[in-house]
Amino acid sequence: MYVFQGYENDTTTNQTIPWSSNNAPHNNTLGLSATPAITANPTGLTITASTSGLTITSPNSTTTYNGIVIVEGY
């Protein structure tokens, strides 16, 4: 689950958010074997999911976006 509060991207550059990982000694990264699904996205943003993370298509706008995005996968 990702929470967006006041997100703004007034550029033409998409933002990529990699799946989370932790530090030593474990150094685990959330790995997905199948492309996850975005099951909720009331933010108004165009967001896609892949096995490596999320990509937010740049809205190139001064509008601020709020909401929760739910991603499910394995």
Protein backbone atom coordinates (compact mmCIF):
# COMPACT_ATOMS: atom_id res chain seq x y z
CA MET A 1 0.00 0.00 0.00
CA TYR A 2 1.31 3.45 -0.91
CA VAL A 3 -0.10 6.69 0.48
CA PHE A 4 0.05 9.84 -1.63
CA GLN A 5 -0.51 13.12 0.19
CA GLY A 6 0.11 16.30 -1.73
CA TYR A 7 2.05 14.54 -4.53
CA GLU A 8 2.99 16.94 -7.32
CA ASN A 9 5.12 16.43 -10.43
CA ASP A 10 5.29 19.51 -12.62
CA THR A 11 7.78 17.94 -15.04
CA THR A 12 7.67 15.63 -18.04
CA THR A 13 9.72 12.99 -16.19
CA ASN A 14 7.99 9.84 -14.95
CA GLN A 15 8.85 8.77 -11.40
CA THR A 16 9.91 5.20 -10.64
CA ILE A 17 9.58 3.74 -7.15
CA PRO A 18 11.45 0.44 -6.70
CA TRP A 19 10.05 -2.22 -4.39
CA SER A 20 11.26 -1.86 -0.85
CA SER A 21 14.37 -3.49 0.57
CA ASN A 22 16.12 -3.58 3.90
CA ASN A 23 19.77 -3.23 4.89
CA ALA A 24 22.45 -5.56 6.17
CA PRO A 25 22.62 -8.17 7.43
CA HIS A 26 19.60 -9.43 5.48
CA ASN A 27 19.65 -7.27 2.34
CA ASN A 28 16.26 -8.57 1.23
CA THR A 29 14.42 -6.98 -1.65
CA LEU A 30 10.74 -7.58 -2.25
CA GLY A 31 10.85 -9.80 -5.30
CA LEU A 32 7.83 -10.57 -7.42
CA SER A 33 7.74 -13.41 -9.92
CA ALA A 34 4.60 -12.18 -11.68
CA THR A 35 3.55 -8.66 -12.62
CA PRO A 36 1.52 -7.30 -9.69
CA ALA A 37 -1.89 -5.72 -10.06
CA ILE A 38 -2.97 -2.31 -8.85
CA THR A 39 -6.28 -3.11 -7.18
CA ALA A 40 -7.12 0.40 -5.96
CA ASN A 41 -6.02 3.82 -7.18
CA PRO A 42 -8.36 6.71 -6.39
CA THR A 43 -5.47 9.24 -6.67
CA GLY A 44 -6.14 10.40 -10.23
CA LEU A 45 -2.55 9.47 -11.16
CA THR A 46 -1.65 7.02 -13.91
CA ILE A 47 0.41 4.33 -12.16
CA THR A 48 1.71 1.05 -13.56
CA ALA A 49 3.29 -1.85 -11.70
CA SER A 50 6.07 -4.19 -12.80
CA THR A 51 8.15 -6.87 -11.12
CA SER A 52 10.72 -4.19 -10.23
CA GLY A 53 8.47 -1.41 -8.88
CA LEU A 54 5.90 1.26 -9.64
CA THR A 55 6.01 3.92 -12.35
CA ILE A 56 4.00 7.12 -12.01
CA THR A 57 3.35 8.71 -15.39
CA SER A 58 4.19 12.38 -15.03
CA PRO A 59 1.06 14.49 -14.92
CA ASN A 60 3.18 17.60 -15.72
CA SER A 61 0.83 19.62 -13.55
CA THR A 62 0.86 21.75 -10.42
CA THR A 63 -2.18 19.83 -9.20
CA THR A 64 -1.58 17.93 -5.96
CA TYR A 65 -2.76 14.34 -5.71
CA ASN A 66 -3.92 12.41 -2.67
CA GLY A 67 -5.05 8.85 -2.01
CA ILE A 68 -4.01 5.30 -1.33
CA VAL A 69 -2.72 2.91 -4.00
CA ILE A 70 -3.03 -0.81 -3.27
CA VAL A 71 -0.74 -3.22 -5.12
CA GLU A 72 -1.14 -6.98 -4.91
CA GLY A 73 1.12 -9.67 -6.27
CA TYR A 74 3.35 -12.65 -5.55
